[in-house]
C-alpha atoms as a PDB file:
ATOM      1  CA  MET A   1       0.141 -17.154  -1.553  1.00  0.00           C
ATOM      2  CA  ALA A   2      -2.751 -14.443  -1.283  1.00  0.00           C
ATOM      3  CA  ASN A   3      -4.295 -13.162  -5.057  1.00  0.00           C
ATOM      4  CA  ASP A   4      -1.780 -10.226  -5.974  1.00  0.00           C
ATOM      5  CA  HIS A   5      -5.003  -8.938  -8.067  1.00  0.00           C
ATOM      6  CA  GLY A   6      -2.131  -8.238 -11.081  1.00  0.00           C
ATOM      7  CA  ILE A   7      -0.556  -5.703  -9.152  1.00  0.00           C
ATOM      8  CA  ARG A   8       2.822  -4.671 -10.466  1.00  0.00           C
ATOM      9  CA  GLU A   9       5.786  -2.375  -9.790  1.00  0.00           C
ATOM     10  CA  HIS A  10       5.805   1.120  -9.579  1.00  0.00           C
ATOM     11  CA  MET A  11       1.616   1.083  -9.782  1.00  0.00           C
ATOM     12  CA  GLU A  12      -0.099   3.946  -8.029  1.00  0.00           C
ATOM     13  CA  ILE A  13      -2.339   2.842  -4.788  1.00  0.00           C
ATOM     14  CA  ILE A  14      -5.444   5.005  -4.308  1.00  0.00           C
ATOM     15  CA  GLY A  15      -7.522   5.031  -1.232  1.00  0.00           C
ATOM     16  CA  ALA A  16     -11.337   4.598  -2.552  1.00  0.00           C
ATOM     17  CA  ASP A  17     -11.710   8.521  -2.771  1.00  0.00           C
ATOM     18  CA  GLY A  18      -8.872   8.806  -5.012  1.00  0.00           C
ATOM     19  CA  VAL A  19      -5.956  10.068  -2.463  1.00  0.00           C
ATOM     20  CA  HIS A  20      -2.416   8.753  -3.048  1.00  0.00           C
ATOM     21  CA  VAL A  21      -1.903   6.436  -0.426  1.00  0.00           C
ATOM     22  CA  GLY A  22       1.734   4.779  -1.959  1.00  0.00           C
ATOM     23  CA  THR A  23       3.498   3.469  -4.740  1.00  0.00           C
ATOM     24  CA  VAL A  24       4.217  -0.330  -5.310  1.00  0.00           C
ATOM     25  CA  ASP A  25       7.620  -1.741  -4.868  1.00  0.00           C
ATOM     26  CA  LYS A  26       6.218  -5.215  -4.414  1.00  0.00           C
ATOM     27  CA  ILE A  27       4.087  -7.956  -3.288  1.00  0.00           C
ATOM     28  CA  GLU A  28       5.385  -9.458  -0.397  1.00  0.00           C
ATOM     29  CA  GLY A  29       3.127 -12.769   0.867  1.00  0.00           C
ATOM     30  CA  ASP A  30      -0.020 -10.947   1.531  1.00  0.00           C
ATOM     31  CA  ARG A  31       1.217  -7.332   1.687  1.00  0.00           C
ATOM     32  CA  ILE A  32       1.892  -4.673  -0.378  1.00  0.00           C
ATOM     33  CA  LYS A  33       5.551  -3.247  -0.186  1.00  0.00           C
ATOM     34  CA  LEU A  34       5.336   0.502  -0.543  1.00  0.00           C
ATOM     35  CA  THR A  35       8.604   2.607  -1.660  1.00  0.00           C
ATOM     36  CA  LYS A  36      10.050   4.572   0.424  1.00  0.00           C
ATOM     37  CA  LYS A  37       9.426   7.344  -0.953  1.00  0.00           C
ATOM     38  CA  ASP A  38       5.871   7.493   0.809  1.00  0.00           C
ATOM     39  CA  ALA A  39       6.980   6.403   4.004  1.00  0.00           C
ATOM     40  CA  GLY A  40       6.146   9.694   5.419  1.00  0.00           C
ATOM     41  CA  GLU A  41       7.855  11.771   8.081  1.00  0.00           C
ATOM     42  CA  GLY A  42       9.963  11.473  11.603  1.00  0.00           C
ATOM     43  CA  SER A  43      10.235   7.965  12.291  1.00  0.00           C
ATOM     44  CA  HIS A  44       8.729   6.500   9.580  1.00  0.00           C
ATOM     45  CA  ARG A  45      10.967   8.408   6.911  1.00  0.00           C
ATOM     46  CA  GLY A  46      12.997   6.377   4.945  1.00  0.00           C
ATOM     47  CA  HIS A  47      12.279   2.724   4.920  1.00  0.00           C
ATOM     48  CA  HIS A  48       8.944   0.556   3.868  1.00  0.00           C
ATOM     49  CA  HIS A  49       5.718   0.071   4.754  1.00  0.00           C
ATOM     50  CA  PHE A  50       3.247  -2.420   3.976  1.00  0.00           C
ATOM     51  CA  VAL A  51      -0.567  -2.517   2.777  1.00  0.00           C
ATOM     52  CA  PRO A  52      -2.519  -5.592   3.187  1.00  0.00           C
ATOM     53  CA  LEU A  53      -3.692  -7.269   0.045  1.00  0.00           C
ATOM     54  CA  GLY A  54      -6.932  -7.546   1.810  1.00  0.00           C
ATOM     55  CA  LEU A  55      -7.645  -3.636   1.218  1.00  0.00           C
ATOM     56  CA  VAL A  56      -7.543  -3.956  -2.266  1.00  0.00           C
ATOM     57  CA  ALA A  57     -11.248  -3.241  -3.970  1.00  0.00           C
ATOM     58  CA  GLU A  58      -9.694  -3.283  -7.465  1.00  0.00           C
ATOM     59  CA  VAL A  59      -6.919  -2.602  -9.908  1.00  0.00           C
ATOM     60  CA  GLU A  60      -7.839   0.093 -12.280  1.00  0.00           C
ATOM     61  CA  GLY A  61      -5.185   0.547 -15.148  1.00  0.00           C
ATOM     62  CA  ASP A  62      -1.885   1.574 -13.110  1.00  0.00           C
ATOM     63  CA  ARG A  63      -3.708   1.993 -10.505  1.00  0.00           C
ATOM     64  CA  VAL A  64      -4.406   0.303  -7.342  1.00  0.00           C
ATOM     65  CA  ARG A  65      -7.497   1.502  -5.551  1.00  0.00           C
ATOM     66  CA  LEU A  66      -8.409   0.197  -1.908  1.00  0.00           C
ATOM     67  CA  SER A  67     -11.670  -0.384  -0.164  1.00  0.00           C
ATOM     68  CA  ALA A  68     -10.936   2.184   2.359  1.00  0.00           C
ATOM     69  CA  ASN A  69     -10.493   6.037   2.008  1.00  0.00           C
ATOM     70  CA  GLY A  70      -6.702   7.408   1.958  1.00  0.00           C
ATOM     71  CA  ASP A  71      -7.221   8.772   5.343  1.00  0.00           C
ATOM     72  CA  VAL A  72      -8.129   5.266   6.686  1.00  0.00           C
ATOM     73  CA  ALA A  73      -5.744   3.370   4.432  1.00  0.00           C
ATOM     74  CA  VAL A  74      -2.827   4.929   5.883  1.00  0.00           C
ATOM     75  CA  SER A  75      -4.129   3.613   9.267  1.00  0.00           C
ATOM     76  CA  PHE A  76      -3.357   0.025   8.155  1.00  0.00           C
ATOM     77  CA  GLU A  77       0.457   0.616   6.999  1.00  0.00           C
ATOM     78  CA  GLU A  78       2.282  -2.222   8.903  1.00  0.00           C
ATOM     79  CA  GLU A  79       6.570  -2.026   9.745  1.00  0.00           C
ATOM     80  CA  GLU A  80       8.042  -4.986   7.932  1.00  0.00           C
ATOM     81  CA  ASP A  81       7.688  -6.802  11.249  1.00  0.00           C
ATOM     82  CA  GLY A  82       3.929  -6.755  10.726  1.00  0.00           C
ATOM     83  CA  LYS A  83       3.709  -4.169  13.773  1.00  0.00           C
ATOM     84  CA  GLN A  84       1.202  -1.207  12.785  1.00  0.00           C
ATOM     85  CA  ALA A  85       3.087   1.841  11.818  1.00  0.00           C
END
C-alpha cells in the first residue's frame, strides 16, 4: 500500500492554489476516496470519486494539499472502477 501521508477521514483536500477539491472519505489502496457531497452535478452526482495519492504534496494540519491546482486536480479524478471521471 502507498504511503497515506497521515491522511484522515473528513480532511479537506485543496489544490496547490488553495481551492477546495473535496473532502476525504477514506484511503482505498493508492487513492483517496472523496465524499459523495463533492461529486459534482449531472452523471457525477451521488457517487464517490477518487484522487490518486501520488498527487498529494503535503498534509497541513487538517488539510491535504495536492501538487496540482484545483482546476487541474479535478481532471485527475477517477470513478470507482479506475476510469477517468
